[in-house]
Every structure is written in C-alpha cells, then in structure tokens.
Amino acid sequence: MTTAAETVNVSTGNLEQSLTALFGDLGMTQDNARQCASDMVLTNLWGIDSHGVLRLPIYVQRLEANVIKANPDIVTRDGRSSFEVMDGDGGMGYVVGHHAMKRAIELARQNGIGAVAVRNSNHYGAAALYAQQATQAGLIGISMTNVKPNLVVPGGSKPITGNNPLAFGAPTNRGFPLMLDISMSAVAGGKLLLASEKGEKIPLDWATDRNGRPTDDPDAGFEGFLLPLGGHKGFGLSLMIDILCGIISGGAHQFDIKSMYGAPDATSETGHMMIAIDPTIAMDESEFLDRMDAFYRTIKSSPMWDATKKMYIPGEIENETRLARQRDGIPLTVSLLAEVNEILQRYQISPLLPAV
C-alpha cells in the first residue's frame, strides 16, 4: 500500500509533452506553452522540486481564471542605453522573465552590459532559469525577483520584506555553468510546501508561525513567516532586491505585491531584474573560459576533512541530478501525481505513467 508522501518516477519526455499540451489548452501559443513546460520540467530535473511541477495546480487555477494572461503583450515602457523597463502585462512569469532576459542579452551584445527591470508580472519559478539563459549565450547572467513580504527579522512579529530570490550564472567549459540560486530566507517557501506534501517536519530555523514563534510544522510555517538567510545579511539583501525589482521598475514593492496563494484571483504585480554581462568586453571568450577553468580547478582541489566527501561548485549538484533524472525519471509524490493527472484528465490529456 502506497502513501501520499511516497514518490513515483515519471519520464521527462512524457511530463514535458503533457504540460505543453495542457498550457496550449489553457490558451497559450505553442511557443509560450513549450517555454512554461520546459522550465517546469528543467527545474525538477535540477532537483529544485519546490519550484517545479509542485506549482502546477496554482498556475492552472490562475490561468483558468484569467488572472494570469496566457499570451501577454510585453512592452518596453522606459529606459535608454543599456537599461530598459518593461511591463509584463500580467503574464506568466516564465514568459515575461525569458522575454526580459532575451532583451538584456541583446543590450549586453551592444553595450557590454544590459539590464531590464520588469513590472506587472507573476511568479517566475526558479531564478536560475534566466541566469542560465544568459550563460547559454556565453554571457554572465543575474536574475532576481521580489515577492510579497514573508520574511520576519528574528524576534519580529510581522514580515517586512520578501525572501526575494537571486541567481548568478557564469559560463564554463565544463558542460554546465557555475550557477548560484538562493532566496533571502533560510529556505524557499516551496520547501515548506514540499515538506507538507511529504508529511515531514521542518527545522526550527526555517520559519515561524503567525505569532513570530519558531515552528517545526510546515503548514504553520507557510501560514506564518520565513526566517532570513544569515540574519541581517539576508534581510539587507532582500531590501536591495526589492529596490531593483520594485522601486526602480516603477512597479509594486513591499506590501503592494500579492501572494499567488493568498490572493489567487489577483495578478501578483511581481517585479524582476535581469542583467547580462558580456565578458568579451574585457577579454577574448577563450581567455575568459580558461580563467574560469582555473578558478574551477582551484575550488575542486580544496581538500575535504572527510576524504569520502566531494567539493562541489554551485550548479554542479544540480547538473548531476539532471543527468540522473533524465535517465531514471522525475520523482513526484503520489498525491502530487494524482493532482496533476486529475488536471490533465479534465483537459482530456492522457495521464502521466510511471517511468519504465
């Protein structure tokens, strides 16, 4: 007898094909549908399960209610030289985010650096998706987004800023980029959803309840507040990201942003910042990659006190997880698989089957 928290592996191809069909049935163009499906599957392949298929039910609910525009009219509102401001027209964050990073890359090709601030968007998944978009073009990529305040300073009883994610990616010649993707909370809110999905408790330094008191209950933590990464350091970085994504974009910031779970019938008004840097402005591409390779080797050669352990650079574990899951399938909990299949069947799409 299986439990709701147990997992079943589904094939990457089957999952991506089904999600593409679903987003198409929800009104998206083929390109937008493919982009959203690919992003969600890639996030799970990386092992970032808190931002992958787990989010599908709320996305579907919001697309069905036309809260998220399936095919937004994304336009440039302001800016000059290497910096522009875009309006995401309330679109799916994946679609808006990639559109903005594409433009940042174009600006970087012209000026050495390009930055695009975005307003009026929605949840855009894992920040690494957009930093990787830049690294695939041979550029350094930085991506960040603001969210509704959900972070409480230790000892505080009210959230004052969001856990605002940040990703930094740099190309390498190792087959995967150096990729740092962190939120400004001890963990992302999706980790609490995942723990709840699996019936697990959470560490006491992850979140508090509604009264600001530490809790090991993921549901109480999700209804309460997240604790910041590194105390005042995560708190300060969160403020910086809100300035870059919300204030400078002319969009929502702090309490003007809406939670997609707390306000499922309203556009989140999320803001993003996409930055691309062309390293060839300073040196030849080959020299840059050689210097990155020396950097990589220095990190990898650092000794471990436990000889059975391995030194990793940011992005390496995700790459190893991707290779394993492409081979073995993506694990979904039994309850999530049932929820996804119920959605697919409503749209007359064949249910997901266990990988073989």
Foldseek 3Di string as FASTA:
>chain_A
DADLQDKFFFALVLQLVLQLVLLVLLPADSVLSNQLSVVQSLCLLLVVPLQHLLCVVLVSLLSNLVQAPRDADKDWDDDDQQETFIERRRHELSVSLQVQLVVQLVSCVVPQKHKYKYWNYADNTFQQVSQVVQVVVQWKKKKKKFAEFQEDFQVGLDGFGGQIKMKIWHHAPPPWIQMDIGTFFPHDLSVLVSCVSNVHFQDQQFAAANRNHGGRRSVRRSNHGGYGDPRVVSVVVRVVQQCRHDVVSVWDGYNVADDCVVCVNHRRRMMMMMMIGNCVVPPDSVVVNVVVVVVVVVQQPDDDPPNVDGGDGHPPSSVVSSVVCNVQGRIDRNNSLVVVQVSSVVVPHHRTDGDD
